[in-house]
PDB file of N, CA and C in Angstrom:
ATOM      1  N   MET A   1       1.059  -1.295   0.098  1.00  0.00           N
ATOM      2  CA  MET A   1      -0.142   0.411   0.012  1.00  0.00           C
ATOM      3  C   MET A   1       0.542   1.241  -0.046  1.00  0.00           C
ATOM      4  N   SER A   2       0.688   2.498  -0.790  1.00  0.00           N
ATOM      5  CA  SER A   2       1.587   2.991  -1.152  1.00  0.00           C
ATOM      6  C   SER A   2       0.497   4.161   0.010  1.00  0.00           C
ATOM      7  N   ASP A   3       1.842   5.137   0.591  1.00  0.00           N
ATOM      8  CA  ASP A   3       1.188   6.715   1.041  1.00  0.00           C
ATOM      9  C   ASP A   3       0.186   7.636   0.012  1.00  0.00           C
ATOM     10  N   ASP A   4      -0.603   7.493   1.024  1.00  0.00           N
ATOM     11  CA  ASP A   4      -1.502   8.480   0.186  1.00  0.00           C
ATOM     12  C   ASP A   4      -1.493  10.460   0.426  1.00  0.00           C
ATOM     13  N   LEU A   5      -0.578  10.872  -0.645  1.00  0.00           N
ATOM     14  CA  LEU A   5       0.291  12.204   0.036  1.00  0.00           C
ATOM     15  C   LEU A   5      -1.004  13.627  -0.661  1.00  0.00           C
ATOM     16  N   LYS A   6      -2.225  12.962  -0.550  1.00  0.00           N
ATOM     17  CA  LYS A   6      -3.825  13.846  -0.207  1.00  0.00           C
ATOM     18  C   LYS A   6      -4.036  13.782   1.320  1.00  0.00           C
ATOM     19  N   ASN A   7      -3.979  12.892   1.695  1.00  0.00           N
ATOM     20  CA  ASN A   7      -3.676  12.602   2.940  1.00  0.00           C
ATOM     21  C   ASN A   7      -2.993  13.200   4.226  1.00  0.00           C
ATOM     22  N   ARG A   8      -3.289  14.690   4.913  1.00  0.00           N
ATOM     23  CA  ARG A   8      -1.925  15.357   5.071  1.00  0.00           C
ATOM     24  C   ARG A   8      -1.277  15.013   6.428  1.00  0.00           C
ATOM     25  N   GLY A   9      -1.819  14.424   7.626  1.00  0.00           N
ATOM     26  CA  GLY A   9      -1.847  13.849   8.630  1.00  0.00           C
ATOM     27  C   GLY A   9      -1.054  12.571   8.762  1.00  0.00           C
ATOM     28  N   PRO A  10      -0.547  12.134   9.792  1.00  0.00           N
ATOM     29  CA  PRO A  10      -0.332  10.565   9.818  1.00  0.00           C
ATOM     30  C   PRO A  10      -0.986   9.344  10.229  1.00  0.00           C
ATOM     31  N   GLN A  11      -0.609   8.872   9.292  1.00  0.00           N
ATOM     32  CA  GLN A  11      -2.245   6.954   9.700  1.00  0.00           C
ATOM     33  C   GLN A  11      -1.955   7.112  11.244  1.00  0.00           C
ATOM     34  N   ASP A  12      -1.196   6.821  11.870  1.00  0.00           N
ATOM     35  CA  ASP A  12      -1.198   6.516  13.252  1.00  0.00           C
ATOM     36  C   ASP A  12      -1.367   8.084  13.795  1.00  0.00           C
ATOM     37  N   ARG A  13      -2.092   8.746  14.031  1.00  0.00           N
ATOM     38  CA  ARG A  13      -2.376   9.806  15.190  1.00  0.00           C
ATOM     39  C   ARG A  13      -2.114   9.678  16.177  1.00  0.00           C
ATOM     40  N   ALA A  14      -1.351   8.555  16.872  1.00  0.00           N
ATOM     41  CA  ALA A  14      -1.784   8.194  18.650  1.00  0.00           C
ATOM     42  C   ALA A  14      -0.274   8.056  18.530  1.00  0.00           C
ATOM     43  N   ARG A  15       0.867   8.251  17.637  1.00  0.00           N
ATOM     44  CA  ARG A  15       2.020   8.064  17.068  1.00  0.00           C
ATOM     45  C   ARG A  15       3.220   9.293  16.925  1.00  0.00           C
ATOM     46  N   VAL A  16       3.977   9.346  17.146  1.00  0.00           N
ATOM     47  CA  VAL A  16       4.959  11.039  16.806  1.00  0.00           C
ATOM     48  C   VAL A  16       5.747  10.140  15.916  1.00  0.00           C
ATOM     49  N   ASN A  17       6.361  10.267  14.473  1.00  0.00           N
ATOM     50  CA  ASN A  17       6.956   9.465  14.163  1.00  0.00           C
ATOM     51  C   ASN A  17       7.962  10.905  13.117  1.00  0.00           C
ATOM     52  N   THR A  18       9.149  10.448  13.648  1.00  0.00           N
ATOM     53  CA  THR A  18      10.589  11.170  13.334  1.00  0.00           C
ATOM     54  C   THR A  18      11.493  10.892  12.358  1.00  0.00           C
ATOM     55  N   SER A  19      11.409   9.928  11.928  1.00  0.00           N
ATOM     56  CA  SER A  19      11.611   9.467  10.723  1.00  0.00           C
ATOM     57  C   SER A  19      11.467   9.350   9.923  1.00  0.00           C
ATOM     58  N   GLU A  20      10.408  10.104   9.440  1.00  0.00           N
ATOM     59  CA  GLU A  20       9.758  10.491   8.047  1.00  0.00           C
ATOM     60  C   GLU A  20       9.700  12.273   8.140  1.00  0.00           C
ATOM     61  N   ALA A  21      10.580  12.718   7.437  1.00  0.00           N
ATOM     62  CA  ALA A  21      10.237  13.823   7.010  1.00  0.00           C
ATOM     63  C   ALA A  21       9.191  14.895   6.651  1.00  0.00           C
ATOM     64  N   TRP A  22       7.977  14.748   6.287  1.00  0.00           N
ATOM     65  CA  TRP A  22       6.706  14.386   5.977  1.00  0.00           C
ATOM     66  C   TRP A  22       5.955  14.639   7.836  1.00  0.00           C
ATOM     67  N   GLU A  23       5.791  13.769   8.364  1.00  0.00           N
ATOM     68  CA  GLU A  23       5.787  13.530   9.848  1.00  0.00           C
ATOM     69  C   GLU A  23       6.559  14.388  10.403  1.00  0.00           C
ATOM     70  N   LEU A  24       7.590  14.560  10.378  1.00  0.00           N
ATOM     71  CA  LEU A  24       8.374  15.938  11.341  1.00  0.00           C
ATOM     72  C   LEU A  24       7.725  17.093  11.388  1.00  0.00           C
ATOM     73  N   LYS A  25       7.334  17.551  10.153  1.00  0.00           N
ATOM     74  CA  LYS A  25       6.667  18.236   9.810  1.00  0.00           C
ATOM     75  C   LYS A  25       5.907  19.006  10.115  1.00  0.00           C
ATOM     76  N   TYR A  26       4.981  18.003   9.669  1.00  0.00           N
ATOM     77  CA  TYR A  26       3.488  17.397  10.799  1.00  0.00           C
ATOM     78  C   TYR A  26       3.614  17.871  12.165  1.00  0.00           C
ATOM     79  N   TRP A  27       4.114  17.324  12.935  1.00  0.00           N
ATOM     80  CA  TRP A  27       4.788  17.693  14.809  1.00  0.00           C
ATOM     81  C   TRP A  27       4.990  18.468  14.708  1.00  0.00           C
ATOM     82  N   THR A  28       5.739  19.353  13.773  1.00  0.00           N
ATOM     83  CA  THR A  28       6.503  20.595  14.855  1.00  0.00           C
ATOM     84  C   THR A  28       5.827  21.183  14.689  1.00  0.00           C
ATOM     85  N   LYS A  29       5.213  21.354  13.656  1.00  0.00           N
ATOM     86  CA  LYS A  29       3.995  22.434  13.496  1.00  0.00           C
ATOM     87  C   LYS A  29       2.591  22.753  14.448  1.00  0.00           C
ATOM     88  N   GLU A  30       3.018  21.258  14.568  1.00  0.00           N
ATOM     89  CA  GLU A  30       1.416  20.224  15.476  1.00  0.00           C
ATOM     90  C   GLU A  30       1.359  20.892  16.679  1.00  0.00           C
ATOM     91  N   PHE A  31       2.756  20.903  17.298  1.00  0.00           N
ATOM     92  CA  PHE A  31       2.883  21.205  18.498  1.00  0.00           C
ATOM     93  C   PHE A  31       3.520  22.577  18.693  1.00  0.00           C
ATOM     94  N   GLY A  32       4.197  23.495  17.502  1.00  0.00           N
ATOM     95  CA  GLY A  32       4.854  24.456  17.358  1.00  0.00           C
ATOM     96  C   GLY A  32       6.109  24.042  18.089  1.00  0.00           C
ATOM     97  N   VAL A  33       7.152  23.456  17.974  1.00  0.00           N
ATOM     98  CA  VAL A  33       8.563  22.913  18.970  1.00  0.00           C
ATOM     99  C   VAL A  33       9.498  23.328  17.255  1.00  0.00           C
ATOM    100  N   THR A  34      10.271  23.224  17.739  1.00  0.00           N
ATOM    101  CA  THR A  34      11.309  23.075  16.144  1.00  0.00           C
ATOM    102  C   THR A  34      12.011  21.989  16.892  1.00  0.00           C
ATOM    103  N   GLU A  35      12.557  21.031  15.243  1.00  0.00           N
ATOM    104  CA  GLU A  35      12.801  19.759  14.979  1.00  0.00           C
ATOM    105  C   GLU A  35      13.139  19.087  16.277  1.00  0.00           C
ATOM    106  N   GLN A  36      14.583  19.321  16.707  1.00  0.00           N
ATOM    107  CA  GLN A  36      15.459  19.211  17.518  1.00  0.00           C
ATOM    108  C   GLN A  36      14.522  18.855  18.756  1.00  0.00           C
ATOM    109  N   GLN A  37      13.366  20.063  19.935  1.00  0.00           N
ATOM    110  CA  GLN A  37      12.745  19.569  20.758  1.00  0.00           C
ATOM    111  C   GLN A  37      12.432  18.554  20.125  1.00  0.00           C
ATOM    112  N   LEU A  38      10.855  18.622  19.509  1.00  0.00           N
ATOM    113  CA  LEU A  38      10.401  17.428  19.116  1.00  0.00           C
ATOM    114  C   LEU A  38      10.699  15.773  18.998  1.00  0.00           C
ATOM    115  N   LYS A  39      12.328  15.896  18.732  1.00  0.00           N
ATOM    116  CA  LYS A  39      13.492  14.970  18.618  1.00  0.00           C
ATOM    117  C   LYS A  39      13.442  14.295  20.091  1.00  0.00           C
ATOM    118  N   ASP A  40      13.912  15.512  21.080  1.00  0.00           N
ATOM    119  CA  ASP A  40      14.442  14.829  22.310  1.00  0.00           C
ATOM    120  C   ASP A  40      13.510  14.227  23.232  1.00  0.00           C
ATOM    121  N   ALA A  41      12.073  15.424  22.889  1.00  0.00           N
ATOM    122  CA  ALA A  41      11.403  14.363  23.974  1.00  0.00           C
ATOM    123  C   ALA A  41      10.038  12.962  23.235  1.00  0.00           C
ATOM    124  N   VAL A  42      10.488  12.772  22.135  1.00  0.00           N
ATOM    125  CA  VAL A  42      10.256  11.400  21.847  1.00  0.00           C
ATOM    126  C   VAL A  42      11.235  10.575  22.366  1.00  0.00           C
ATOM    127  N   LYS A  43      12.217  10.972  22.428  1.00  0.00           N
ATOM    128  CA  LYS A  43      13.517  10.838  22.792  1.00  0.00           C
ATOM    129  C   LYS A  43      13.592  10.009  24.141  1.00  0.00           C
ATOM    130  N   ALA A  44      12.853  11.356  24.424  1.00  0.00           N
ATOM    131  CA  ALA A  44      12.617  11.577  26.372  1.00  0.00           C
ATOM    132  C   ALA A  44      11.323  10.748  27.058  1.00  0.00           C
ATOM    133  N   VAL A  45      10.182  10.855  26.190  1.00  0.00           N
ATOM    134  CA  VAL A  45       9.073  10.070  27.140  1.00  0.00           C
ATOM    135  C   VAL A  45       8.769   8.591  25.538  1.00  0.00           C
ATOM    136  N   GLY A  46       8.456   8.220  24.152  1.00  0.00           N
ATOM    137  CA  GLY A  46       8.616   7.268  23.316  1.00  0.00           C
ATOM    138  C   GLY A  46       7.445   8.308  22.523  1.00  0.00           C
ATOM    139  N   PRO A  47       6.893   7.650  21.473  1.00  0.00           N
ATOM    140  CA  PRO A  47       6.808   8.122  20.425  1.00  0.00           C
ATOM    141  C   PRO A  47       4.681   8.117  20.438  1.00  0.00           C
ATOM    142  N   MET A  48       4.389   7.899  22.230  1.00  0.00           N
ATOM    143  CA  MET A  48       2.752   8.395  22.554  1.00  0.00           C
ATOM    144  C   MET A  48       2.417   9.755  22.434  1.00  0.00           C
ATOM    145  N   VAL A  49       1.873   9.919  21.645  1.00  0.00           N
ATOM    146  CA  VAL A  49       1.758  11.595  21.398  1.00  0.00           C
ATOM    147  C   VAL A  49       0.918  12.588  22.967  1.00  0.00           C
ATOM    148  N   THR A  50       0.723  11.040  23.674  1.00  0.00           N
ATOM    149  CA  THR A  50      -0.090  11.950  25.155  1.00  0.00           C
ATOM    150  C   THR A  50       0.979  12.577  25.651  1.00  0.00           C
ATOM    151  N   ASP A  51       1.731  11.416  25.845  1.00  0.00           N
ATOM    152  CA  ASP A  51       3.143  10.976  26.717  1.00  0.00           C
ATOM    153  C   ASP A  51       4.065  12.863  25.485  1.00  0.00           C
ATOM    154  N   VAL A  52       4.488  12.736  24.488  1.00  0.00           N
ATOM    155  CA  VAL A  52       5.073  14.324  24.102  1.00  0.00           C
ATOM    156  C   VAL A  52       4.675  14.979  24.344  1.00  0.00           C
ATOM    157  N   ARG A  53       3.076  15.511  24.451  1.00  0.00           N
ATOM    158  CA  ARG A  53       1.969  16.426  24.435  1.00  0.00           C
ATOM    159  C   ARG A  53       2.851  16.840  25.828  1.00  0.00           C
ATOM    160  N   LYS A  54       2.676  16.020  27.302  1.00  0.00           N
ATOM    161  CA  LYS A  54       3.121  16.091  28.659  1.00  0.00           C
ATOM    162  C   LYS A  54       4.335  16.847  28.708  1.00  0.00           C
ATOM    163  N   LYS A  55       5.388  15.881  27.688  1.00  0.00           N
ATOM    164  CA  LYS A  55       6.779  16.315  28.408  1.00  0.00           C
ATOM    165  C   LYS A  55       6.545  17.658  27.042  1.00  0.00           C
ATOM    166  N   LEU A  56       6.506  18.317  26.509  1.00  0.00           N
ATOM    167  CA  LEU A  56       6.592  19.658  25.986  1.00  0.00           C
ATOM    168  C   LEU A  56       5.537  20.870  26.399  1.00  0.00           C
ATOM    169  N   GLY A  57       5.153  20.202  27.803  1.00  0.00           N
ATOM    170  CA  GLY A  57       3.936  21.179  28.700  1.00  0.00           C
ATOM    171  C   GLY A  57       3.442  21.293  27.521  1.00  0.00           C
ATOM    172  N   GLN A  58       1.982  20.240  27.266  1.00  0.00           N
ATOM    173  CA  GLN A  58       0.477  20.772  26.234  1.00  0.00           C
ATOM    174  C   GLN A  58      -0.137  20.377  26.836  1.00  0.00           C
TER     175      GLN A  58
END
């Protein structure tokens, strides 16, 4: 199954994927943080959106 480029959000909206450039761009915009801040948060708490959101103080 190929990626649907018309769907601008991640397929699994419960997880933050920092290995895909387009998802990294999506999540940095969603959280209003830099790429490095996002990567650091994911490294610290894992990929779950709820955990990352808490880590970033949102």
